[in-house]
Amino acid sequence: MFNEKIFIFMWFWYAMLLVCTVVNLFAWIRQRYSKDARRTFLHNVLTDSGLDTTEAEREEFYNDVVKDDGVLVLLLLDANGGRLQSGELAHQLWTSKFPQTGKRFLE
């Protein structure tokens, strides 16, 4: 009888983990393949790194420097290393494209 209760608990636990994994998978796919989500993420990272940017500058930065692969790298860095590291990398990439607008990171 006790084994059945443990089995039922484990079954519900695995079902809950499955639901969480599926939701996380769809959220990641949306973040990765949605153009608006990628641009919003890039805007948030640049804003958090202390840069005041215009829409035209961000669009040029996205199209010329970062592109889709760069946003993926920033997403992975943000997920595994934190916003500070991804913001620092985005800031360094920004100053390589626009050296006149680059300030020290988080001044």
PDB file of N, CA and C in Angstrom:
ATOM      1  N   MET A   1       0.820  -1.190   0.000  1.00  0.00           N
ATOM      2  CA  MET A   1       0.000   0.000   0.000  1.00  0.00           C
ATOM      3  C   MET A   1       0.872   1.267   0.000  1.00  0.00           C
ATOM      4  N   PHE A   2       1.924   1.257   0.771  1.00  0.00           N
ATOM      5  CA  PHE A   2       2.822   2.406   0.832  1.00  0.00           C
ATOM      6  C   PHE A   2       3.534   2.604  -0.505  1.00  0.00           C
ATOM      7  N   ASN A   3       3.890   1.497  -1.172  1.00  0.00           N
ATOM      8  CA  ASN A   3       4.550   1.589  -2.472  1.00  0.00           C
ATOM      9  C   ASN A   3       3.643   2.224  -3.521  1.00  0.00           C
ATOM     10  N   GLU A   4       2.358   1.950  -3.442  1.00  0.00           N
ATOM     11  CA  GLU A   4       1.416   2.540  -4.388  1.00  0.00           C
ATOM     12  C   GLU A   4       1.347   4.057  -4.222  1.00  0.00           C
ATOM     13  N   LYS A   5       1.382   4.532  -2.990  1.00  0.00           N
ATOM     14  CA  LYS A   5       1.331   5.976  -2.740  1.00  0.00           C
ATOM     15  C   LYS A   5       2.596   6.654  -3.267  1.00  0.00           C
ATOM     16  N   ILE A   6       3.713   6.007  -3.085  1.00  0.00           N
ATOM     17  CA  ILE A   6       4.961   6.554  -3.618  1.00  0.00           C
ATOM     18  C   ILE A   6       4.911   6.574  -5.146  1.00  0.00           C
ATOM     19  N   PHE A   7       4.399   5.501  -5.743  1.00  0.00           N
ATOM     20  CA  PHE A   7       4.290   5.436  -7.192  1.00  0.00           C
ATOM     21  C   PHE A   7       3.363   6.532  -7.721  1.00  0.00           C
ATOM     22  N   ILE A   8       2.230   6.746  -7.079  1.00  0.00           N
ATOM     23  CA  ILE A   8       1.290   7.787  -7.505  1.00  0.00           C
ATOM     24  C   ILE A   8       1.938   9.168  -7.382  1.00  0.00           C
ATOM     25  N   PHE A   9       2.635   9.400  -6.273  1.00  0.00           N
ATOM     26  CA  PHE A   9       3.327  10.674  -6.100  1.00  0.00           C
ATOM     27  C   PHE A   9       4.357  10.882  -7.206  1.00  0.00           C
ATOM     28  N   MET A  10       5.138   9.864  -7.501  1.00  0.00           N
ATOM     29  CA  MET A  10       6.161   9.978  -8.542  1.00  0.00           C
ATOM     30  C   MET A  10       5.528  10.187  -9.920  1.00  0.00           C
ATOM     31  N   TRP A  11       4.389   9.529 -10.162  1.00  0.00           N
ATOM     32  CA  TRP A  11       3.713   9.696 -11.439  1.00  0.00           C
ATOM     33  C   TRP A  11       3.279  11.143 -11.612  1.00  0.00           C
ATOM     34  N   PHE A  12       2.664  11.748 -10.602  1.00  0.00           N
ATOM     35  CA  PHE A  12       2.248  13.151 -10.682  1.00  0.00           C
ATOM     36  C   PHE A  12       3.457  14.089 -10.775  1.00  0.00           C
ATOM     37  N   TRP A  13       4.513  13.739 -10.075  1.00  0.00           N
ATOM     38  CA  TRP A  13       5.731  14.548 -10.145  1.00  0.00           C
ATOM     39  C   TRP A  13       6.282  14.569 -11.572  1.00  0.00           C
ATOM     40  N   TYR A  14       6.363  13.415 -12.221  1.00  0.00           N
ATOM     41  CA  TYR A  14       6.848  13.348 -13.599  1.00  0.00           C
ATOM     42  C   TYR A  14       5.892  14.052 -14.560  1.00  0.00           C
ATOM     43  N   ALA A  15       4.595  13.951 -14.308  1.00  0.00           N
ATOM     44  CA  ALA A  15       3.624  14.651 -15.151  1.00  0.00           C
ATOM     45  C   ALA A  15       3.810  16.164 -15.037  1.00  0.00           C
ATOM     46  N   MET A  16       4.048  16.651 -13.828  1.00  0.00           N
ATOM     47  CA  MET A  16       4.276  18.076 -13.626  1.00  0.00           C
ATOM     48  C   MET A  16       5.577  18.514 -14.311  1.00  0.00           C
ATOM     49  N   LEU A  17       6.616  17.703 -14.206  1.00  0.00           N
ATOM     50  CA  LEU A  17       7.875  18.022 -14.882  1.00  0.00           C
ATOM     51  C   LEU A  17       7.710  18.042 -16.401  1.00  0.00           C
ATOM     52  N   LEU A  18       6.907  17.132 -16.926  1.00  0.00           N
ATOM     53  CA  LEU A  18       6.649  17.103 -18.359  1.00  0.00           C
ATOM     54  C   LEU A  18       5.949  18.380 -18.811  1.00  0.00           C
ATOM     55  N   VAL A  19       4.949  18.815 -18.065  1.00  0.00           N
ATOM     56  CA  VAL A  19       4.231  20.043 -18.415  1.00  0.00           C
ATOM     57  C   VAL A  19       5.176  21.241 -18.368  1.00  0.00           C
ATOM     58  N   CYS A  20       5.980  21.333 -17.323  1.00  0.00           N
ATOM     59  CA  CYS A  20       6.938  22.447 -17.213  1.00  0.00           C
ATOM     60  C   CYS A  20       7.946  22.433 -18.350  1.00  0.00           C
ATOM     61  N   THR A  21       8.412  21.272 -18.731  1.00  0.00           N
ATOM     62  CA  THR A  21       9.379  21.151 -19.816  1.00  0.00           C
ATOM     63  C   THR A  21       8.770  21.561 -21.152  1.00  0.00           C
ATOM     64  N   VAL A  22       7.544  21.144 -21.406  1.00  0.00           N
ATOM     65  CA  VAL A  22       6.881  21.498 -22.660  1.00  0.00           C
ATOM     66  C   VAL A  22       6.628  23.005 -22.731  1.00  0.00           C
ATOM     67  N   VAL A  23       6.176  23.596 -21.626  1.00  0.00           N
ATOM     68  CA  VAL A  23       5.952  25.047 -21.598  1.00  0.00           C
ATOM     69  C   VAL A  23       7.266  25.789 -21.828  1.00  0.00           C
ATOM     70  N   ASN A  24       8.330  25.340 -21.184  1.00  0.00           N
ATOM     71  CA  ASN A  24       9.636  25.973 -21.357  1.00  0.00           C
ATOM     72  C   ASN A  24      10.138  25.818 -22.796  1.00  0.00           C
ATOM     73  N   LEU A  25       9.908  24.677 -23.399  1.00  0.00           N
ATOM     74  CA  LEU A  25      10.317  24.452 -24.784  1.00  0.00           C
ATOM     75  C   LEU A  25       9.613  25.422 -25.722  1.00  0.00           C
ATOM     76  N   PHE A  26       8.294  25.580 -25.563  1.00  0.00           N
ATOM     77  CA  PHE A  26       7.561  26.502 -26.428  1.00  0.00           C
ATOM     78  C   PHE A  26       7.961  27.951 -26.175  1.00  0.00           C
ATOM     79  N   ALA A  27       8.255  28.305 -24.932  1.00  0.00           N
ATOM     80  CA  ALA A  27       8.716  29.666 -24.634  1.00  0.00           C
ATOM     81  C   ALA A  27      10.069  29.919 -25.298  1.00  0.00           C
ATOM     82  N   TRP A  28      10.952  28.935 -25.251  1.00  0.00           N
ATOM     83  CA  TRP A  28      12.272  29.090 -25.873  1.00  0.00           C
ATOM     84  C   TRP A  28      12.148  29.181 -27.393  1.00  0.00           C
ATOM     85  N   ILE A  29      11.290  28.363 -27.982  1.00  0.00           N
ATOM     86  CA  ILE A  29      11.086  28.410 -29.433  1.00  0.00           C
ATOM     87  C   ILE A  29      10.523  29.766 -29.839  1.00  0.00           C
ATOM     88  N   ARG A  30       9.574  30.287 -29.068  1.00  0.00           N
ATOM     89  CA  ARG A  30       9.025  31.609 -29.362  1.00  0.00           C
ATOM     90  C   ARG A  30      10.110  32.679 -29.257  1.00  0.00           C
ATOM     91  N   GLN A  31      10.909  32.610 -28.215  1.00  0.00           N
ATOM     92  CA  GLN A  31      11.974  33.599 -28.022  1.00  0.00           C
ATOM     93  C   GLN A  31      13.015  33.496 -29.131  1.00  0.00           C
ATOM     94  N   ARG A  32      13.283  32.308 -29.583  1.00  0.00           N
ATOM     95  CA  ARG A  32      14.326  32.093 -30.583  1.00  0.00           C
ATOM     96  C   ARG A  32      13.873  32.460 -31.988  1.00  0.00           C
ATOM     97  N   TYR A  33      12.631  32.148 -32.350  1.00  0.00           N
ATOM     98  CA  TYR A  33      12.199  32.297 -33.731  1.00  0.00           C
ATOM     99  C   TYR A  33      11.272  33.477 -33.982  1.00  0.00           C
ATOM    100  N   SER A  34      10.825  34.175 -32.963  1.00  0.00           N
ATOM    101  CA  SER A  34       9.986  35.350 -33.150  1.00  0.00           C
ATOM    102  C   SER A  34      10.872  36.581 -33.324  1.00  0.00           C
ATOM    103  N   LYS A  35      10.695  37.259 -34.439  1.00  0.00           N
ATOM    104  CA  LYS A  35      11.524  38.427 -34.730  1.00  0.00           C
ATOM    105  C   LYS A  35      11.290  39.531 -33.705  1.00  0.00           C
ATOM    106  N   ASP A  36      10.037  39.746 -33.322  1.00  0.00           N
ATOM    107  CA  ASP A  36       9.737  40.782 -32.331  1.00  0.00           C
ATOM    108  C   ASP A  36      10.341  40.457 -30.975  1.00  0.00           C
ATOM    109  N   ALA A  37      10.300  39.192 -30.578  1.00  0.00           N
ATOM    110  CA  ALA A  37      10.864  38.801 -29.284  1.00  0.00           C
ATOM    111  C   ALA A  37      12.383  38.980 -29.277  1.00  0.00           C
ATOM    112  N   ARG A  38      13.042  38.668 -30.388  1.00  0.00           N
ATOM    113  CA  ARG A  38      14.498  38.859 -30.466  1.00  0.00           C
ATOM    114  C   ARG A  38      14.861  40.330 -30.371  1.00  0.00           C
ATOM    115  N   ARG A  39      14.124  41.166 -31.076  1.00  0.00           N
ATOM    116  CA  ARG A  39      14.419  42.603 -31.047  1.00  0.00           C
ATOM    117  C   ARG A  39      14.096  43.216 -29.685  1.00  0.00           C
ATOM    118  N   THR A  40      13.036  42.769 -29.054  1.00  0.00           N
ATOM    119  CA  THR A  40      12.710  43.248 -27.708  1.00  0.00           C
ATOM    120  C   THR A  40      13.783  42.826 -26.718  1.00  0.00           C
ATOM    121  N   PHE A  41      14.250  41.591 -26.832  1.00  0.00           N
ATOM    122  CA  PHE A  41      15.319  41.124 -25.951  1.00  0.00           C
ATOM    123  C   PHE A  41      16.581  41.957 -26.148  1.00  0.00           C
ATOM    124  N   LEU A  42      16.936  42.214 -27.393  1.00  0.00           N
ATOM    125  CA  LEU A  42      18.131  43.011 -27.671  1.00  0.00           C
ATOM    126  C   LEU A  42      17.975  44.432 -27.124  1.00  0.00           C
ATOM    127  N   HIS A  43      16.795  45.002 -27.282  1.00  0.00           N
ATOM    128  CA  HIS A  43      16.536  46.339 -26.733  1.00  0.00           C
ATOM    129  C   HIS A  43      16.684  46.334 -25.214  1.00  0.00           C
ATOM    130  N   ASN A  44      16.143  45.316 -24.552  1.00  0.00           N
ATOM    131  CA  ASN A  44      16.242  45.228 -23.091  1.00  0.00           C
ATOM    132  C   ASN A  44      17.687  45.071 -22.630  1.00  0.00           C
ATOM    133  N   VAL A  45      18.454  44.263 -23.342  1.00  0.00           N
ATOM    134  CA  VAL A  45      19.861  44.068 -22.966  1.00  0.00           C
ATOM    135  C   VAL A  45      20.641  45.365 -23.142  1.00  0.00           C
ATOM    136  N   LEU A  46      20.403  46.061 -24.247  1.00  0.00           N
ATOM    137  CA  LEU A  46      21.105  47.329 -24.471  1.00  0.00           C
ATOM    138  C   LEU A  46      20.687  48.379 -23.447  1.00  0.00           C
ATOM    139  N   THR A  47      19.418  48.414 -23.100  1.00  0.00           N
ATOM    140  CA  THR A  47      18.948  49.365 -22.089  1.00  0.00           C
ATOM    141  C   THR A  47      19.536  49.043 -20.726  1.00  0.00           C
ATOM    142  N   ASP A  48      19.582  47.764 -20.380  1.00  0.00           N
ATOM    143  CA  ASP A  48      20.146  47.364 -19.090  1.00  0.00           C
ATOM    144  C   ASP A  48      21.644  47.627 -19.004  1.00  0.00           C
ATOM    145  N   SER A  49      22.308  47.685 -20.154  1.00  0.00           N
ATOM    146  CA  SER A  49      23.745  47.953 -20.124  1.00  0.00           C
ATOM    147  C   SER A  49      24.049  49.443 -20.076  1.00  0.00           C
ATOM    148  N   GLY A  50      23.024  50.267 -20.035  1.00  0.00           N
ATOM    149  CA  GLY A  50      23.227  51.698 -19.863  1.00  0.00           C
ATOM    150  C   GLY A  50      23.322  52.495 -21.143  1.00  0.00           C
ATOM    151  N   LEU A  51      22.897  51.935 -22.257  1.00  0.00           N
ATOM    152  CA  LEU A  51      22.961  52.654 -23.530  1.00  0.00           C
ATOM    153  C   LEU A  51      21.604  53.261 -23.861  1.00  0.00           C
ATOM    154  N   ASP A  52      21.613  54.520 -24.265  1.00  0.00           N
ATOM    155  CA  ASP A  52      20.412  55.166 -24.786  1.00  0.00           C
ATOM    156  C   ASP A  52      20.468  55.055 -26.300  1.00  0.00           C
ATOM    157  N   THR A  53      19.556  54.274 -26.856  1.00  0.00           N
ATOM    158  CA  THR A  53      19.601  54.007 -28.288  1.00  0.00           C
ATOM    159  C   THR A  53      18.291  54.429 -28.929  1.00  0.00           C
ATOM    160  N   THR A  54      18.361  54.724 -30.208  1.00  0.00           N
ATOM    161  CA  THR A  54      17.153  54.997 -30.975  1.00  0.00           C
ATOM    162  C   THR A  54      16.749  53.731 -31.718  1.00  0.00           C
ATOM    163  N   GLU A  55      15.534  53.742 -32.216  1.00  0.00           N
ATOM    164  CA  GLU A  55      15.038  52.588 -32.958  1.00  0.00           C
ATOM    165  C   GLU A  55      15.871  52.348 -34.218  1.00  0.00           C
ATOM    166  N   ALA A  56      16.246  53.406 -34.895  1.00  0.00           N
ATOM    167  CA  ALA A  56      17.043  53.266 -36.122  1.00  0.00           C
ATOM    168  C   ALA A  56      18.430  52.696 -35.815  1.00  0.00           C
ATOM    169  N   GLU A  57      19.039  53.144 -34.726  1.00  0.00           N
ATOM    170  CA  GLU A  57      20.354  52.609 -34.344  1.00  0.00           C
ATOM    171  C   GLU A  57      20.253  51.132 -33.972  1.00  0.00           C
ATOM    172  N   ARG A  58      19.217  50.785 -33.226  1.00  0.00           N
ATOM    173  CA  ARG A  58      19.044  49.373 -32.853  1.00  0.00           C
ATOM    174  C   ARG A  58      18.808  48.509 -34.079  1.00  0.00           C
ATOM    175  N   GLU A  59      18.032  49.016 -35.027  1.00  0.00           N
ATOM    176  CA  GLU A  59      17.772  48.260 -36.249  1.00  0.00           C
ATOM    177  C   GLU A  59      19.062  48.058 -37.042  1.00  0.00           C
ATOM    178  N   GLU A  60      19.862  49.107 -37.153  1.00  0.00           N
ATOM    179  CA  GLU A  60      21.147  48.997 -37.854  1.00  0.00           C
ATOM    180  C   GLU A  60      22.082  48.044 -37.119  1.00  0.00           C
ATOM    181  N   PHE A  61      22.105  48.127 -35.796  1.00  0.00           N
ATOM    182  CA  PHE A  61      22.940  47.242 -34.982  1.00  0.00           C
ATOM    183  C   PHE A  61      22.508  45.789 -35.156  1.00  0.00           C
ATOM    184  N   TYR A  62      21.200  45.567 -35.164  1.00  0.00           N
ATOM    185  CA  TYR A  62      20.685  44.207 -35.326  1.00  0.00           C
ATOM    186  C   TYR A  62      21.025  43.656 -36.709  1.00  0.00           C
ATOM    187  N   ASN A  63      20.818  44.454 -37.737  1.00  0.00           N
ATOM    188  CA  ASN A  63      21.033  43.972 -39.106  1.00  0.00           C
ATOM    189  C   ASN A  63      22.503  43.843 -39.481  1.00  0.00           C
ATOM    190  N   ASP A  64      23.356  44.714 -38.959  1.00  0.00           N
ATOM    191  CA  ASP A  64      24.758  44.729 -39.375  1.00  0.00           C
ATOM    192  C   ASP A  64      25.692  43.953 -38.457  1.00  0.00           C
ATOM    193  N   VAL A  65      25.413  43.939 -37.166  1.00  0.00           N
ATOM    194  CA  VAL A  65      26.368  43.371 -36.212  1.00  0.00           C
ATOM    195  C   VAL A  65      25.866  42.058 -35.628  1.00  0.00           C
ATOM    196  N   VAL A  66      24.735  42.092 -34.975  1.00  0.00           N
ATOM    197  CA  VAL A  66      24.335  40.943 -34.158  1.00  0.00           C
ATOM    198  C   VAL A  66      23.662  39.854 -34.975  1.00  0.00           C
ATOM    199  N   LYS A  67      22.676  40.212 -35.733  1.00  0.00           N
ATOM    200  CA  LYS A  67      21.887  39.284 -36.542  1.00  0.00           C
ATOM    201  C   LYS A  67      21.260  38.204 -35.660  1.00  0.00           C
ATOM    202  N   ASP A  68      20.750  37.151 -36.254  1.00  0.00           N
ATOM    203  CA  ASP A  68      20.048  36.122 -35.483  1.00  0.00           C
ATOM    204  C   ASP A  68      20.994  35.302 -34.612  1.00  0.00           C
ATOM    205  N   ASP A  69      22.169  34.986 -35.134  1.00  0.00           N
ATOM    206  CA  ASP A  69      23.112  34.169 -34.372  1.00  0.00           C
ATOM    207  C   ASP A  69      23.637  34.903 -33.145  1.00  0.00           C
ATOM    208  N   GLY A  70      23.865  36.181 -33.287  1.00  0.00           N
ATOM    209  CA  GLY A  70      24.330  36.967 -32.149  1.00  0.00           C
ATOM    210  C   GLY A  70      23.290  37.064 -31.055  1.00  0.00           C
ATOM    211  N   VAL A  71      22.021  37.177 -31.458  1.00  0.00           N
ATOM    212  CA  VAL A  71      20.952  37.200 -30.455  1.00  0.00           C
ATOM    213  C   VAL A  71      20.880  35.850 -29.756  1.00  0.00           C
ATOM    214  N   LEU A  72      21.087  34.756 -30.490  1.00  0.00           N
ATOM    215  CA  LEU A  72      21.104  33.441 -29.856  1.00  0.00           C
ATOM    216  C   LEU A  72      22.223  33.350 -28.826  1.00  0.00           C
ATOM    217  N   VAL A  73      23.400  33.841 -29.170  1.00  0.00           N
ATOM    218  CA  VAL A  73      24.518  33.826 -28.221  1.00  0.00           C
ATOM    219  C   VAL A  73      24.175  34.662 -26.992  1.00  0.00           C
ATOM    220  N   LEU A  74      23.581  35.833 -27.210  1.00  0.00           N
ATOM    221  CA  LEU A  74      23.192  36.676 -26.076  1.00  0.00           C
ATOM    222  C   LEU A  74      22.105  36.018 -25.230  1.00  0.00           C
ATOM    223  N   LEU A  75      21.163  35.325 -25.881  1.00  0.00           N
ATOM    224  CA  LEU A  75      20.126  34.600 -25.141  1.00  0.00           C
ATOM    225  C   LEU A  75      20.730  33.506 -24.270  1.00  0.00           C
ATOM    226  N   LEU A  76      21.641  32.732 -24.849  1.00  0.00           N
ATOM    227  CA  LEU A  76      22.278  31.660 -24.086  1.00  0.00           C
ATOM    228  C   LEU A  76      23.129  32.216 -22.956  1.00  0.00           C
ATOM    229  N   LEU A  77      23.839  33.294 -23.232  1.00  0.00           N
ATOM    230  CA  LEU A  77      24.652  33.925 -22.196  1.00  0.00           C
ATOM    231  C   LEU A  77      23.775  34.503 -21.096  1.00  0.00           C
ATOM    232  N   ASP A  78      22.642  35.086 -21.466  1.00  0.00           N
ATOM    233  CA  ASP A  78      21.721  35.632 -20.478  1.00  0.00           C
ATOM    234  C   ASP A  78      21.110  34.525 -19.625  1.00  0.00           C
ATOM    235  N   ALA A  79      20.781  33.401 -20.260  1.00  0.00           N
ATOM    236  CA  ALA A  79      20.169  32.299 -19.516  1.00  0.00           C
ATOM    237  C   ALA A  79      21.164  31.615 -18.585  1.00  0.00           C
ATOM    238  N   ASN A  80      22.412  31.505 -19.006  1.00  0.00           N
ATOM    239  CA  ASN A  80      23.389  30.753 -18.220  1.00  0.00           C
ATOM    240  C   ASN A  80      24.345  31.615 -17.414  1.00  0.00           C
ATOM    241  N   GLY A  81      24.582  32.840 -17.847  1.00  0.00           N
ATOM    242  CA  GLY A  81      25.544  33.686 -17.156  1.00  0.00           C
ATOM    243  C   GLY A  81      24.948  34.900 -16.491  1.00  0.00           C
ATOM    244  N   GLY A  82      23.756  35.285 -16.914  1.00  0.00           N
ATOM    245  CA  GLY A  82      23.108  36.433 -16.310  1.00  0.00           C
ATOM    246  C   GLY A  82      23.085  37.642 -17.226  1.00  0.00           C
ATOM    247  N   ARG A  83      22.247  38.586 -16.852  1.00  0.00           N
ATOM    248  CA  ARG A  83      22.061  39.785 -17.666  1.00  0.00           C
ATOM    249  C   ARG A  83      23.300  40.668 -17.675  1.00  0.00           C
ATOM    250  N   LEU A  84      24.063  40.644 -16.606  1.00  0.00           N
ATOM    251  CA  LEU A  84      25.260  41.489 -16.543  1.00  0.00           C
ATOM    252  C   LEU A  84      26.264  41.091 -17.623  1.00  0.00           C
ATOM    253  N   GLN A  85      26.510  39.794 -17.783  1.00  0.00           N
ATOM    254  CA  GLN A  85      27.468  39.340 -18.790  1.00  0.00           C
ATOM    255  C   GLN A  85      26.941  39.580 -20.204  1.00  0.00           C
ATOM    256  N   SER A  86      25.669  39.285 -20.441  1.00  0.00           N
ATOM    257  CA  SER A  86      25.127  39.518 -21.782  1.00  0.00           C
ATOM    258  C   SER A  86      25.073  41.007 -22.092  1.00  0.00           C
ATOM    259  N   GLY A  87      24.788  41.826 -21.086  1.00  0.00           N
ATOM    260  CA  GLY A  87      24.796  43.268 -21.296  1.00  0.00           C
ATOM    261  C   GLY A  87      26.179  43.801 -21.602  1.00  0.00           C
ATOM    262  N   GLU A  88      27.178  43.257 -20.927  1.00  0.00           N
ATOM    263  CA  GLU A  88      28.556  43.692 -21.187  1.00  0.00           C
ATOM    264  C   GLU A  88      28.988  43.322 -22.601  1.00  0.00           C
ATOM    265  N   LEU A  89      28.650  42.112 -23.042  1.00  0.00           N
ATOM    266  CA  LEU A  89      28.989  41.706 -24.406  1.00  0.00           C
ATOM    267  C   LEU A  89      28.252  42.567 -25.427  1.00  0.00           C
ATOM    268  N   ALA A  90      26.964  42.817 -25.194  1.00  0.00           N
ATOM    269  CA  ALA A  90      26.200  43.662 -26.115  1.00  0.00           C
ATOM    270  C   ALA A  90      26.764  45.079 -26.142  1.00  0.00           C
ATOM    271  N   HIS A  91      27.197  45.559 -24.991  1.00  0.00           N
ATOM    272  CA  HIS A  91      27.781  46.905 -24.928  1.00  0.00           C
ATOM    273  C   HIS A  91      29.083  46.968 -25.721  1.00  0.00           C
ATOM    274  N   GLN A  92      29.913  45.949 -25.606  1.00  0.00           N
ATOM    275  CA  GLN A  92      31.166  45.929 -26.368  1.00  0.00           C
ATOM    276  C   GLN A  92      30.899  45.825 -27.871  1.00  0.00           C
ATOM    277  N   LEU A  93      29.908  45.035 -28.250  1.00  0.00           N
ATOM    278  CA  LEU A  93      29.543  44.965 -29.666  1.00  0.00           C
ATOM    279  C   LEU A  93      29.000  46.302 -30.155  1.00  0.00           C
ATOM    280  N   TRP A  94      28.225  46.957 -29.302  1.00  0.00           N
ATOM    281  CA  TRP A  94      27.664  48.261 -29.667  1.00  0.00           C
ATOM    282  C   TRP A  94      28.771  49.289 -29.886  1.00  0.00           C
ATOM    283  N   THR A  95      29.746  49.317 -28.977  1.00  0.00           N
ATOM    284  CA  THR A  95      30.827  50.301 -29.118  1.00  0.00           C
ATOM    285  C   THR A  95      31.737  49.983 -30.300  1.00  0.00           C
ATOM    286  N   SER A  96      31.758  48.726 -30.748  1.00  0.00           N
ATOM    287  CA  SER A  96      32.516  48.424 -31.964  1.00  0.00           C
ATOM    288  C   SER A  96      31.798  48.970 -33.200  1.00  0.00           C
ATOM    289  N   LYS A  97      30.485  49.046 -33.153  1.00  0.00           N
ATOM    290  CA  LYS A  97      29.711  49.581 -34.279  1.00  0.00           C
ATOM    291  C   LYS A  97      29.574  51.102 -34.193  1.00  0.00           C
ATOM    292  N   PHE A  98      29.287  51.615 -33.002  1.00  0.00           N
ATOM    293  CA  PHE A  98      29.085  53.046 -32.785  1.00  0.00           C
ATOM    294  C   PHE A  98      30.067  53.533 -31.723  1.00  0.00           C
ATOM    295  N   PRO A  99      31.332  53.742 -32.064  1.00  0.00           N
ATOM    296  CA  PRO A  99      32.316  54.114 -31.040  1.00  0.00           C
ATOM    297  C   PRO A  99      32.058  55.484 -30.417  1.00  0.00           C
ATOM    298  N   GLN A 100      31.398  56.389 -31.141  1.00  0.00           N
ATOM    299  CA  GLN A 100      31.174  57.719 -30.598  1.00  0.00           C
ATOM    300  C   GLN A 100      30.098  57.719 -29.509  1.00  0.00           C
ATOM    301  N   THR A 101      29.182  56.746 -29.507  1.00  0.00           N
ATOM    302  CA  THR A 101      28.115  56.738 -28.499  1.00  0.00           C
ATOM    303  C   THR A 101      28.423  55.819 -27.336  1.00  0.00           C
ATOM    304  N   GLY A 102      29.484  55.042 -27.417  1.00  0.00           N
ATOM    305  CA  GLY A 102      29.788  54.084 -26.357  1.00  0.00           C
ATOM    306  C   GLY A 102      30.335  54.764 -25.120  1.00  0.00           C
ATOM    307  N   LYS A 103      29.735  54.465 -23.994  1.00  0.00           N
ATOM    308  CA  LYS A 103      30.230  54.956 -22.712  1.00  0.00           C
ATOM    309  C   LYS A 103      30.776  53.756 -21.949  1.00  0.00           C
ATOM    310  N   ARG A 104      31.407  54.008 -20.842  1.00  0.00           N
ATOM    311  CA  ARG A 104      31.852  52.882 -20.023  1.00  0.00           C
ATOM    312  C   ARG A 104      30.639  52.106 -19.558  1.00  0.00           C
ATOM    313  N   PHE A 105      30.808  50.810 -19.403  1.00  0.00           N
ATOM    314  CA  PHE A 105      29.704  49.928 -19.040  1.00  0.00           C
ATOM    315  C   PHE A 105      29.169  50.277 -17.657  1.00  0.00           C
ATOM    316  N   LEU A 106      27.879  50.513 -17.576  1.00  0.00           N
ATOM    317  CA  LEU A 106      27.140  50.779 -16.332  1.00  0.00           C
ATOM    318  C   LEU A 106      27.674  51.986 -15.566  1.00  0.00           C
ATOM    319  N   GLU A 107      27.924  53.071 -16.259  1.00  0.00           N
ATOM    320  CA  GLU A 107      28.338  54.300 -15.577  1.00  0.00           C
ATOM    321  C   GLU A 107      27.124  55.027 -15.064  1.00  0.00           C
TER     322      GLU A 107
END
